[in-house]
Amino acid sequence: MKKMTGFLLGFLVWSLGVFAQTSGGLFSYGPDMNSTRIFPYVSQKPDGDVMVFGGRSNGFISSAYADLYSIETNTFTNLNMLYTHDNTVMVKLNDGRVLLAGGGFDYGVPAHQYAEIYNPNDNSFTAAGTMAYARMQGSGALLTDGKVLIVGGWYSPEAAANAELYDPVLMTSSYAGGLLNPRSNALVLPCNDGGALVIGGYPTYGGTTFNAVEYYNRETSSFELFSDEIISGETGWTTTLDPFYRKTTDMYILENGKYLLMLYRSVPTLEYTLALFDPENKSFEKVNTDYPLMGAYSDGGIIDYALNKEESLVYMLGVDNESGSTGYCIVTTDLSTGKTYQPDESYTMPSGEYLIFTTLSYIPETGMLLAPGVSTSNTDYFNATAKSFLIEPELKVDIPIQEDLIVLQVYPNPVKDMLMLILPSNIGGQAIVDICDMRGQILYRTNAFGGEKLVIPVNYLPTGNYFLRVRNGNCNLSASFIRAGN
């Protein structure tokens, strides 16, 4: 950015090359949680605040604590759950409440059956009966009739082989048939016809991951083979990305009702792909990207991913293989175009800290990624901390060509009452315009097209420093300004 008489100009070079900005995002410490934890479970409230449930406390002790992350205060508030929930079943119900069922005791096994329901309206937890089977590494999905289909179990042959239907009204469970392939860590995807598909996972005591897809027929309460492979015509794709099961599935549903999945396969080489699941016709379709998801600084694999629904962007947390799991980056894919933006370096974590066991959430109100679950080990489950990270995804274009320079005009600066903004004519369609404070809190939002001149009242803002942000799938511009006193 460069200050000129009467103007503050924000610059971003724009070309058709690969987008990148250092590690793909700005990494910084977030607030500390009230409890140590890794492998947390996450759900988002309607106001954007994030609930962090359970997981593993320091010493591999199953957690009975929840932390509520507040966007407004950038702090965590402790909430006590009724039971421990490590590797639990978590499903958001139709009324916005969250079912938490089962999970492992300390050190992973055995599992318990107790269920409780979290109410986001008053942040309360209510006992909700028991499952038919004790389960950890199980998963569930809300069916169209309001019942929850629950499958899977680690180190429990009965739980792995048999599904159950949980009724959130009666708080009771009933047998729902036997799976063709007993599984743990499988993913359940609800279908619009009332049934569900079960994909991925592995045998109850570990082993080769499953490629075959099973269909749960709600009318017959039985499972049948749906397909031998997830992606038609391609072999080996599966899903065992644990973080997917540690978020409620509404965090992965696009505006068109499709689910965004992350798949991987290891033959002939390790590779990842994004895929869309259509619950209407029960189909899986790969997202075609112009670059692989694994690049020079994400060659250690993808830990987790989060969806920016408003802008159809997917943020993926990659590991830099050469760093020994101390280097991380954000790889971004634009779902509307397939463009994948690879970073040009990785971010090195502070000494002795790792994000390998985190669970990633995207917060639309701030444009930030929340990553709780920092560990002091990348190899075992005994070293949880209370730390979190906040990551601001950033895109900058390579190949600086002066003719393609995009200039964001913001004036006067400092400003007392009315801020003038002229959007560049070549930003490529409609963009989101935000005014944020220095913490990233969004204070004003509107939409505008390239070439428009906006007059934005700022007299309600306290005196101080702010920045204005203009974003769409083609550009990410910002300029700072000062709100002067009256």
Protein backbone atom coordinates (compact mmCIF):
# COMPACT_ATOMS: atom_id res chain seq x y z
CA MET A 1 0.00 0.00 0.00
CA LYS A 2 1.17 3.50 -0.81
CA LYS A 3 -0.05 6.78 0.63
CA MET A 4 -0.75 9.65 -1.78
CA THR A 5 -2.35 13.07 -1.39
CA GLY A 6 -6.05 12.55 -0.66
CA PHE A 7 -5.91 8.82 -1.40
CA LEU A 8 -4.80 5.57 0.15
CA LEU A 9 -4.14 3.03 -2.58
CA GLY A 10 -4.26 -0.73 -1.93
CA PHE A 11 -2.38 -2.80 -4.47
CA LEU A 12 -2.77 -6.37 -5.61
CA VAL A 13 -1.13 -7.70 -8.75
CA TRP A 14 -3.48 -9.82 -10.82
CA SER A 15 -2.58 -12.32 -13.50
CA LEU A 16 -3.57 -15.73 -14.74
CA GLY A 17 -0.74 -17.44 -12.85
CA VAL A 18 -0.86 -19.46 -9.63
CA PHE A 19 -2.15 -17.54 -6.63
CA ALA A 20 0.01 -17.66 -3.53
CA GLN A 21 0.95 -15.68 -0.44
CA THR A 22 3.80 -17.05 1.64
CA SER A 23 2.19 -19.96 3.54
CA GLY A 24 -1.25 -19.27 2.06
CA GLY A 25 -2.41 -17.57 5.24
CA LEU A 26 -1.35 -15.50 8.21
CA PHE A 27 -0.85 -17.75 11.24
CA SER A 28 -1.13 -16.29 14.74
CA TYR A 29 -2.03 -17.48 18.22
CA GLY A 30 -5.70 -17.38 19.12
CA PRO A 31 -7.00 -17.23 22.69
CA ASP A 32 -6.29 -20.12 25.05
CA MET A 33 -9.08 -22.58 25.77
CA ASN A 34 -10.04 -23.33 29.36
CA SER A 35 -9.08 -27.00 29.01
CA THR A 36 -6.24 -28.79 27.32
CA ARG A 37 -7.40 -30.83 24.34
CA ILE A 38 -6.53 -32.39 21.02
CA PHE A 39 -8.90 -34.04 18.52
CA PRO A 40 -11.75 -31.66 19.49
CA TYR A 41 -15.25 -31.90 18.04
CA VAL A 42 -16.69 -28.69 16.59
CA SER A 43 -20.09 -27.22 15.78
CA GLN A 44 -20.99 -23.69 14.71
CA LYS A 45 -23.79 -21.59 16.16
CA PRO A 46 -26.04 -19.43 13.92
CA ASP A 47 -24.20 -16.28 15.02
CA GLY A 48 -20.87 -17.76 13.92
CA ASP A 49 -19.56 -18.57 17.40
CA VAL A 50 -17.88 -21.98 17.60
CA MET A 51 -18.54 -24.76 20.10
CA VAL A 52 -15.55 -27.01 20.85
CA PHE A 53 -16.61 -30.30 22.47
CA GLY A 54 -14.56 -32.92 24.28
CA GLY A 55 -11.59 -34.60 22.68
CA ARG A 56 -8.50 -35.69 24.58
CA SER A 57 -7.04 -33.71 27.46
CA ASN A 58 -3.38 -33.77 28.38
CA GLY A 59 -2.31 -37.28 29.39
CA PHE A 60 -4.73 -38.93 26.90
CA ILE A 61 -7.63 -38.33 29.30
CA SER A 62 -11.08 -38.14 27.71
CA SER A 63 -12.55 -34.67 28.08
CA ALA A 64 -15.91 -33.78 29.64
CA TYR A 65 -15.45 -30.08 28.92
CA ALA A 66 -16.63 -27.80 26.15
CA ASP A 67 -15.32 -24.37 25.18
CA LEU A 68 -17.45 -21.70 23.50
CA TYR A 69 -15.45 -19.42 21.20
CA SER A 70 -16.95 -15.92 21.02
CA ILE A 71 -16.33 -13.88 17.87
CA GLU A 72 -17.16 -10.64 19.66
CA THR A 73 -14.67 -11.04 22.52
CA ASN A 74 -12.17 -13.43 20.89
CA THR A 75 -12.26 -15.59 24.03
CA PHE A 76 -13.25 -19.10 25.08
CA THR A 77 -15.82 -19.72 27.82
CA ASN A 78 -15.79 -23.05 29.67
CA LEU A 79 -18.92 -25.24 29.64
CA ASN A 80 -19.20 -28.56 31.45
CA MET A 81 -20.66 -31.50 29.55
CA LEU A 82 -22.40 -34.31 31.41
CA TYR A 83 -20.15 -37.06 30.02
CA THR A 84 -16.76 -37.48 28.42
CA HIS A 85 -16.78 -37.39 24.61
CA ASP A 86 -13.62 -38.52 22.84
CA ASN A 87 -14.18 -39.96 19.35
CA THR A 88 -17.90 -39.48 19.85
CA VAL A 89 -20.91 -39.49 17.52
CA MET A 90 -21.95 -35.90 16.83
CA VAL A 91 -25.02 -34.91 14.79
CA LYS A 92 -26.83 -31.57 14.50
CA LEU A 93 -30.61 -32.01 14.80
CA ASN A 94 -33.33 -30.18 12.86
CA ASP A 95 -33.86 -27.62 15.62
CA GLY A 96 -30.16 -26.73 15.83
CA ARG A 97 -29.38 -28.76 18.93
CA VAL A 98 -26.39 -31.10 18.81
CA LEU A 99 -26.45 -34.77 19.78
CA LEU A 100 -23.28 -36.13 21.40
CA ALA A 101 -23.37 -39.90 21.89
CA GLY A 102 -20.76 -42.33 23.14
CA GLY A 103 -17.02 -42.01 22.93
CA GLY A 104 -13.95 -43.55 24.48
CA PHE A 105 -12.86 -43.57 28.09
CA ASP A 106 -9.31 -42.62 29.06
CA TYR A 107 -6.58 -43.96 26.76
CA GLY A 108 -9.07 -44.72 23.99
CA VAL A 109 -10.87 -47.91 24.94
CA PRO A 110 -13.38 -49.11 25.98
CA ALA A 111 -16.31 -46.96 24.86
CA HIS A 112 -19.50 -45.80 26.59
CA GLN A 113 -23.15 -45.48 25.48
CA TYR A 114 -24.29 -42.28 27.19
CA ALA A 115 -25.84 -39.52 25.10
CA GLU A 116 -26.53 -35.86 25.76
CA ILE A 117 -27.86 -32.94 23.75
CA TYR A 118 -26.38 -29.47 23.60
CA ASN A 119 -28.80 -26.54 23.22
CA PRO A 120 -27.15 -23.49 21.56
CA ASN A 121 -29.93 -21.18 22.75
CA ASP A 122 -28.88 -21.38 26.41
CA ASN A 123 -25.61 -23.35 26.15
CA SER A 124 -27.08 -26.17 28.23
CA PHE A 125 -26.46 -29.92 28.17
CA THR A 126 -29.28 -32.40 28.80
CA ALA A 127 -29.04 -36.16 29.32
CA ALA A 128 -30.49 -37.93 26.27
CA GLY A 129 -30.61 -41.65 27.05
CA THR A 130 -28.19 -44.29 25.85
CA MET A 131 -27.27 -45.86 22.53
CA ALA A 132 -27.93 -49.55 21.89
CA TYR A 133 -24.17 -50.13 21.68
CA ALA A 134 -21.13 -48.56 23.29
CA ARG A 135 -19.26 -46.82 20.48
CA MET A 136 -16.15 -44.81 19.77
CA GLN A 137 -15.09 -43.78 16.28
CA GLY A 138 -18.74 -44.11 15.32
CA SER A 139 -20.61 -41.60 13.18
CA GLY A 140 -24.18 -40.66 12.41
CA ALA A 141 -26.48 -38.71 10.13
CA LEU A 142 -29.87 -37.09 10.50
CA LEU A 143 -32.39 -38.80 8.21
CA THR A 144 -35.37 -37.08 6.61
CA ASP A 145 -37.75 -38.50 9.24
CA GLY A 146 -35.81 -36.86 12.05
CA LYS A 147 -34.18 -40.06 13.31
CA VAL A 148 -30.40 -40.41 13.55
CA LEU A 149 -28.69 -43.37 11.87
CA ILE A 150 -25.60 -44.37 13.86
CA VAL A 151 -22.93 -46.82 12.64
CA GLY A 152 -19.39 -47.87 13.47
CA GLY A 153 -17.24 -48.82 16.41
CA TRP A 154 -13.54 -49.17 17.21
CA TYR A 155 -12.47 -52.28 19.15
CA SER A 156 -16.10 -53.37 19.39
CA PRO A 157 -17.22 -56.05 16.89
CA GLU A 158 -20.88 -55.62 17.84
CA ALA A 159 -20.89 -51.85 17.39
CA ALA A 160 -18.94 -52.11 14.11
CA ALA A 161 -21.32 -54.69 12.66
CA ASN A 162 -24.68 -53.29 13.75
CA ALA A 163 -26.37 -49.96 13.10
CA GLU A 164 -29.00 -48.27 15.25
CA LEU A 165 -31.65 -45.57 14.90
CA TYR A 166 -31.73 -42.93 17.60
CA ASP A 167 -34.99 -41.05 18.21
CA PRO A 168 -34.18 -37.55 19.58
CA VAL A 169 -37.79 -37.03 20.69
CA LEU A 170 -38.13 -40.23 22.72
CA MET A 171 -34.37 -40.37 23.41
CA THR A 172 -34.32 -44.07 22.63
CA SER A 173 -32.40 -46.30 20.22
CA SER A 174 -33.51 -49.30 18.16
CA TYR A 175 -31.70 -51.85 16.00
CA ALA A 176 -31.31 -50.72 12.37
CA GLY A 177 -29.73 -53.72 10.66
CA GLY A 178 -26.30 -55.18 10.08
CA LEU A 179 -23.67 -53.60 7.82
CA LEU A 180 -22.18 -55.62 4.96
CA ASN A 181 -18.73 -54.52 6.13
CA PRO A 182 -18.36 -53.88 9.87
CA ARG A 183 -16.55 -50.54 10.12
CA SER A 184 -15.10 -47.93 12.41
CA ASN A 185 -14.68 -44.28 11.40
CA ALA A 186 -17.09 -44.66 8.49
CA LEU A 187 -18.92 -41.63 7.13
CA VAL A 188 -22.73 -41.57 6.97
CA LEU A 189 -24.32 -39.36 4.29
CA PRO A 190 -28.10 -38.81 4.40
CA CYS A 191 -30.06 -39.10 1.14
CA ASN A 192 -33.20 -37.23 0.16
CA ASP A 193 -35.16 -40.48 -0.22
CA GLY A 194 -34.93 -41.14 3.54
CA GLY A 195 -32.00 -43.53 3.39
CA ALA A 196 -28.26 -42.98 3.75
CA LEU A 197 -24.94 -44.03 2.24
CA VAL A 198 -22.03 -45.34 4.29
CA ILE A 199 -18.52 -44.80 2.89
CA GLY A 200 -14.93 -45.21 4.03
CA GLY A 201 -13.68 -46.36 7.39
CA TYR A 202 -11.72 -49.47 8.27
CA PRO A 203 -12.25 -52.77 10.17
CA THR A 204 -12.96 -52.57 13.87
CA TYR A 205 -9.40 -53.55 14.85
CA GLY A 206 -7.75 -51.64 12.01
CA GLY A 207 -6.65 -52.72 8.55
CA THR A 208 -7.25 -51.82 4.92
CA THR A 209 -9.74 -49.01 4.39
CA PHE A 210 -13.03 -49.77 2.64
CA ASN A 211 -13.76 -48.56 -0.89
CA ALA A 212 -17.22 -50.10 -1.22
CA VAL A 213 -20.31 -47.94 -0.58
CA GLU A 214 -23.32 -49.31 1.31
CA TYR A 215 -26.87 -48.00 1.13
CA TYR A 216 -29.16 -48.01 4.15
CA ASN A 217 -32.73 -48.66 3.01
CA ARG A 218 -35.03 -46.94 5.50
CA GLU A 219 -38.11 -48.89 4.35
CA THR A 220 -36.54 -52.32 4.89
CA SER A 221 -34.13 -51.24 7.65
CA SER A 222 -31.31 -53.09 5.94
CA PHE A 223 -28.02 -52.43 4.18
CA GLU A 224 -27.21 -53.29 0.57
CA LEU A 225 -24.25 -52.80 -1.73
CA PHE A 226 -24.54 -49.49 -3.57
CA SER A 227 -21.25 -49.48 -5.49
CA ASP A 228 -17.78 -51.03 -5.35
CA GLU A 229 -16.11 -47.62 -5.53
CA ILE A 230 -16.96 -44.11 -4.36
CA ILE A 231 -15.99 -42.46 -7.66
CA SER A 232 -17.46 -44.30 -10.64
CA GLY A 233 -14.79 -45.56 -13.03
CA GLU A 234 -11.90 -44.92 -10.61
CA THR A 235 -10.44 -47.22 -7.98
CA GLY A 236 -9.04 -46.76 -4.52
CA TRP A 237 -10.71 -43.56 -3.33
CA THR A 238 -11.79 -43.60 0.30
CA THR A 239 -12.21 -41.27 3.27
CA THR A 240 -10.69 -41.68 6.70
CA LEU A 241 -9.95 -38.02 7.37
CA ASP A 242 -10.85 -37.96 11.06
CA PRO A 243 -11.61 -34.22 11.23
CA PHE A 244 -14.58 -34.64 8.91
CA TYR A 245 -16.33 -36.69 11.56
CA ARG A 246 -15.42 -34.12 14.20
CA LYS A 247 -17.61 -31.42 12.67
CA THR A 248 -21.37 -31.36 12.17
CA THR A 249 -22.14 -32.02 8.50
CA ASP A 250 -23.95 -28.68 8.02
CA MET A 251 -20.46 -27.14 7.95
CA TYR A 252 -19.88 -29.00 4.65
CA ILE A 253 -23.19 -28.42 2.86
CA LEU A 254 -23.07 -26.02 -0.10
CA GLU A 255 -25.86 -23.62 -1.03
CA ASN A 256 -27.04 -26.13 -3.68
CA GLY A 257 -27.51 -28.83 -1.04
CA LYS A 258 -24.48 -30.89 -2.04
CA TYR A 259 -21.90 -32.09 0.48
CA LEU A 260 -18.22 -31.29 0.05
CA LEU A 261 -16.01 -34.30 0.81
CA MET A 262 -12.27 -34.89 0.96
CA LEU A 263 -11.14 -38.24 -0.49
CA TYR A 264 -7.72 -39.78 -0.76
CA ARG A 265 -5.98 -42.83 -2.22
CA SER A 266 -2.47 -44.17 -1.81
CA VAL A 267 -2.00 -46.20 -5.02
CA PRO A 268 -0.05 -45.62 -7.18
CA THR A 269 0.96 -42.57 -5.10
CA LEU A 270 -0.68 -40.63 -2.28
CA GLU A 271 -3.15 -38.05 -3.61
CA TYR A 272 -6.16 -36.12 -2.39
CA THR A 273 -9.24 -34.89 -4.18
CA LEU A 274 -12.33 -32.85 -3.35
CA ALA A 275 -15.65 -34.44 -4.24
CA LEU A 276 -19.29 -33.41 -4.19
CA PHE A 277 -22.01 -35.73 -2.93
CA ASP A 278 -25.52 -35.09 -4.25
CA PRO A 279 -28.11 -36.44 -1.75
CA GLU A 280 -30.85 -36.23 -4.39
CA ASN A 281 -29.43 -38.74 -6.86
CA LYS A 282 -26.86 -40.32 -4.50
CA SER A 283 -23.93 -39.48 -6.79
CA PHE A 284 -20.28 -38.62 -6.13
CA GLU A 285 -18.40 -36.28 -8.46
CA LYS A 286 -14.77 -35.20 -8.27
CA VAL A 287 -14.00 -31.49 -8.27
CA ASN A 288 -11.69 -30.85 -11.22
CA THR A 289 -8.83 -28.60 -10.14
CA ASP A 290 -6.15 -26.99 -12.28
CA TYR A 291 -3.42 -27.95 -9.80
CA PRO A 292 -3.04 -30.95 -7.43
CA LEU A 293 -4.07 -30.38 -3.82
CA MET A 294 -0.67 -31.65 -2.68
CA GLY A 295 2.10 -29.26 -3.66
CA ALA A 296 5.67 -28.56 -2.65
CA TYR A 297 4.61 -27.31 0.79
CA SER A 298 1.63 -29.63 1.33
CA ASP A 299 3.41 -32.82 0.28
CA GLY A 300 2.91 -34.30 3.74
CA GLY A 301 -0.84 -34.50 3.14
CA ILE A 302 -3.99 -32.59 4.07
CA ILE A 303 -4.86 -32.55 7.78
CA ASP A 304 -8.26 -30.91 7.57
CA TYR A 305 -10.33 -28.55 5.46
CA ALA A 306 -13.02 -25.92 5.97
CA LEU A 307 -15.63 -24.49 3.63
CA ASN A 308 -16.22 -20.81 2.95
CA LYS A 309 -19.75 -21.17 1.61
CA GLU A 310 -20.30 -17.52 0.76
CA GLU A 311 -17.37 -17.41 -1.65
CA SER A 312 -17.30 -21.12 -2.63
CA LEU A 313 -13.74 -21.46 -1.36
CA VAL A 314 -12.21 -24.47 0.36
CA TYR A 315 -9.33 -23.92 2.76
CA MET A 316 -7.10 -26.96 3.32
CA LEU A 317 -4.47 -27.26 6.05
CA GLY A 318 -1.45 -28.96 4.50
CA VAL A 319 1.73 -30.33 6.05
CA ASP A 320 5.19 -29.62 4.68
CA ASN A 321 6.83 -33.06 4.56
CA GLU A 322 10.40 -31.77 4.68
CA SER A 323 9.73 -29.79 7.86
CA GLY A 324 9.08 -32.86 10.02
CA SER A 325 5.47 -31.83 10.68
CA THR A 326 6.46 -28.39 11.96
CA GLY A 327 5.58 -26.58 8.72
CA TYR A 328 1.97 -25.92 7.69
CA CYS A 329 0.22 -24.04 4.92
CA ILE A 330 -3.20 -23.18 3.56
CA VAL A 331 -4.08 -24.51 0.11
CA THR A 332 -7.21 -22.88 -1.33
CA THR A 333 -9.52 -24.17 -4.06
CA ASP A 334 -12.19 -22.06 -5.72
CA LEU A 335 -15.08 -24.47 -6.26
CA SER A 336 -16.66 -22.26 -8.92
CA THR A 337 -13.61 -22.38 -11.19
CA GLY A 338 -11.48 -25.28 -9.93
CA LYS A 339 -8.51 -22.96 -9.48
CA THR A 340 -6.21 -24.18 -6.71
CA TYR A 341 -3.89 -21.69 -5.05
CA GLN A 342 -0.66 -23.21 -3.75
CA PRO A 343 1.59 -21.36 -1.27
CA ASP A 344 5.22 -20.58 -1.99
CA GLU A 345 6.47 -21.58 1.47
CA SER A 346 5.20 -23.09 4.70
CA TYR A 347 4.64 -21.52 8.11
CA THR A 348 6.95 -22.94 10.79
CA MET A 349 5.17 -23.52 14.09
CA PRO A 350 6.77 -22.34 17.35
CA SER A 351 9.23 -24.87 18.72
CA GLY A 352 7.57 -28.00 20.07
CA GLU A 353 4.05 -27.21 18.81
CA TYR A 354 2.04 -29.08 16.17
CA LEU A 355 -1.34 -28.70 14.47
CA ILE A 356 -1.46 -32.37 13.47
CA PHE A 357 -4.44 -33.05 15.81
CA THR A 358 -6.44 -29.86 15.23
CA THR A 359 -9.99 -29.40 13.90
CA LEU A 360 -10.43 -26.50 11.48
CA SER A 361 -13.46 -24.15 11.37
CA TYR A 362 -14.13 -21.22 9.04
CA ILE A 363 -15.76 -18.17 10.65
CA PRO A 364 -17.54 -16.08 7.96
CA GLU A 365 -17.96 -13.06 10.21
CA THR A 366 -14.19 -12.58 10.54
CA GLY A 367 -12.87 -14.45 7.50
CA MET A 368 -10.62 -16.42 9.86
CA LEU A 369 -9.92 -20.11 10.39
CA LEU A 370 -10.03 -21.29 14.00
CA ALA A 371 -7.65 -24.17 14.82
CA PRO A 372 -7.94 -25.47 18.41
CA GLY A 373 -6.09 -28.61 19.43
CA VAL A 374 -2.38 -27.71 19.47
CA SER A 375 -0.15 -30.57 20.63
CA THR A 376 3.45 -30.66 21.83
CA SER A 377 3.92 -33.98 20.02
CA ASN A 378 3.17 -35.10 16.48
CA THR A 379 3.37 -38.82 17.29
CA ASP A 380 1.29 -39.52 20.42
CA TYR A 381 -1.94 -38.44 22.13
CA PHE A 382 -0.53 -37.52 25.58
CA ASN A 383 0.57 -33.92 25.00
CA ALA A 384 -2.49 -31.73 24.60
CA THR A 385 -2.37 -27.99 25.25
CA ALA A 386 -5.01 -25.28 25.71
CA LYS A 387 -3.65 -23.27 22.77
CA SER A 388 -5.44 -22.34 19.58
CA PHE A 389 -4.42 -20.71 16.33
CA LEU A 390 -6.24 -18.20 14.13
CA ILE A 391 -5.36 -18.30 10.44
CA GLU A 392 -6.34 -15.62 7.95
CA PRO A 393 -6.34 -17.09 4.41
CA GLU A 394 -4.60 -14.77 1.99
CA LEU A 395 -4.18 -14.88 -1.77
CA LYS A 396 -1.57 -12.96 -3.71
CA VAL A 397 -0.83 -13.48 -7.37
CA ASP A 398 2.55 -14.34 -8.79
CA ILE A 399 4.05 -12.68 -11.91
CA PRO A 400 3.89 -8.95 -11.12
CA ILE A 401 2.87 -7.27 -14.37
CA GLN A 402 2.33 -3.52 -14.09
CA GLU A 403 -0.41 -3.46 -16.73
CA ASP A 404 -2.50 -5.85 -14.65
CA LEU A 405 -2.23 -3.78 -11.47
CA ILE A 406 -5.49 -3.46 -9.57
CA VAL A 407 -5.82 -0.26 -7.55
CA LEU A 408 -8.27 0.14 -4.66
CA GLN A 409 -9.02 3.83 -4.06
CA VAL A 410 -10.07 4.78 -0.52
CA TYR A 411 -10.32 8.42 0.60
CA PRO A 412 -10.18 10.72 2.49
CA ASN A 413 -7.70 9.30 4.97
CA PRO A 414 -7.95 10.03 7.85
CA VAL A 415 -11.75 10.19 7.64
CA LYS A 416 -14.39 11.58 10.01
CA ASP A 417 -17.82 10.95 8.50
CA MET A 418 -17.99 9.50 4.96
CA LEU A 419 -15.45 7.14 3.41
CA MET A 420 -15.27 7.03 -0.39
CA LEU A 421 -14.38 3.81 -2.18
CA ILE A 422 -13.87 3.34 -5.91
CA LEU A 423 -13.73 -0.30 -6.94
CA PRO A 424 -11.40 -1.26 -9.80
CA SER A 425 -13.29 -1.98 -13.01
CA ASN A 426 -11.35 -5.20 -13.66
CA ILE A 427 -12.02 -7.15 -10.47
CA GLY A 428 -14.23 -9.61 -12.36
CA GLY A 429 -17.86 -9.43 -11.26
CA GLN A 430 -19.49 -8.75 -7.91
CA ALA A 431 -17.34 -8.50 -4.78
CA ILE A 432 -17.90 -8.44 -1.03
CA VAL A 433 -16.87 -5.20 0.67
CA ASP A 434 -16.06 -5.34 4.41
CA ILE A 435 -14.87 -2.83 6.98
CA CYS A 436 -13.05 -4.62 9.81
CA ASP A 437 -11.32 -3.64 13.02
CA MET A 438 -7.73 -4.70 13.58
CA ARG A 439 -8.85 -8.01 15.14
CA GLY A 440 -10.67 -8.91 11.93
CA GLN A 441 -14.17 -8.33 13.34
CA ILE A 442 -16.51 -7.33 10.49
CA LEU A 443 -18.26 -4.04 11.30
CA TYR A 444 -19.84 -3.31 7.91
CA ARG A 445 -20.60 -5.41 4.83
CA THR A 446 -22.08 -4.74 1.40
CA ASN A 447 -21.77 -6.00 -2.17
CA ALA A 448 -20.58 -4.00 -5.17
CA PHE A 449 -19.42 -4.41 -8.76
CA GLY A 450 -16.22 -3.30 -10.44
CA GLY A 451 -16.19 0.43 -11.29
CA GLU A 452 -18.74 1.37 -8.60
CA LYS A 453 -18.18 4.32 -6.27
CA LEU A 454 -19.41 3.72 -2.73
CA VAL A 455 -20.03 6.29 -0.01
CA ILE A 456 -19.78 4.53 3.35
CA PRO A 457 -20.72 6.23 6.65
CA VAL A 458 -18.08 5.65 9.33
CA ASN A 459 -19.02 8.32 11.89
CA TYR A 460 -20.36 5.61 14.21
CA LEU A 461 -16.91 4.00 14.49
CA PRO A 462 -14.69 4.81 17.47
CA THR A 463 -11.50 6.67 16.56
CA GLY A 464 -8.71 4.31 15.58
CA ASN A 465 -7.29 2.13 12.81
CA TYR A 466 -9.42 -0.03 10.49
CA PHE A 467 -9.06 -1.80 7.20
CA LEU A 468 -11.34 -2.16 4.22
CA ARG A 469 -11.42 -5.47 2.36
CA VAL A 470 -12.72 -6.29 -1.14
CA ARG A 471 -12.93 -9.97 -2.06
CA ASN A 472 -14.29 -12.32 -4.70
CA GLY A 473 -13.02 -15.38 -6.53
CA ASN A 474 -10.60 -13.29 -8.58
CA CYS A 475 -9.05 -10.90 -6.09
CA ASN A 476 -8.43 -10.16 -2.43
CA LEU A 477 -7.75 -6.43 -1.89
CA SER A 478 -7.35 -4.45 1.31
CA ALA A 479 -6.51 -0.93 2.41
CA SER A 480 -6.16 0.52 5.89
CA PHE A 481 -7.64 3.82 7.05
CA ILE A 482 -7.90 5.92 10.18
CA ARG A 483 -11.19 7.06 11.71
CA ALA A 484 -10.37 10.50 13.08
CA GLY A 485 -12.08 12.16 16.02
CA ASN A 486 -14.90 14.66 15.53
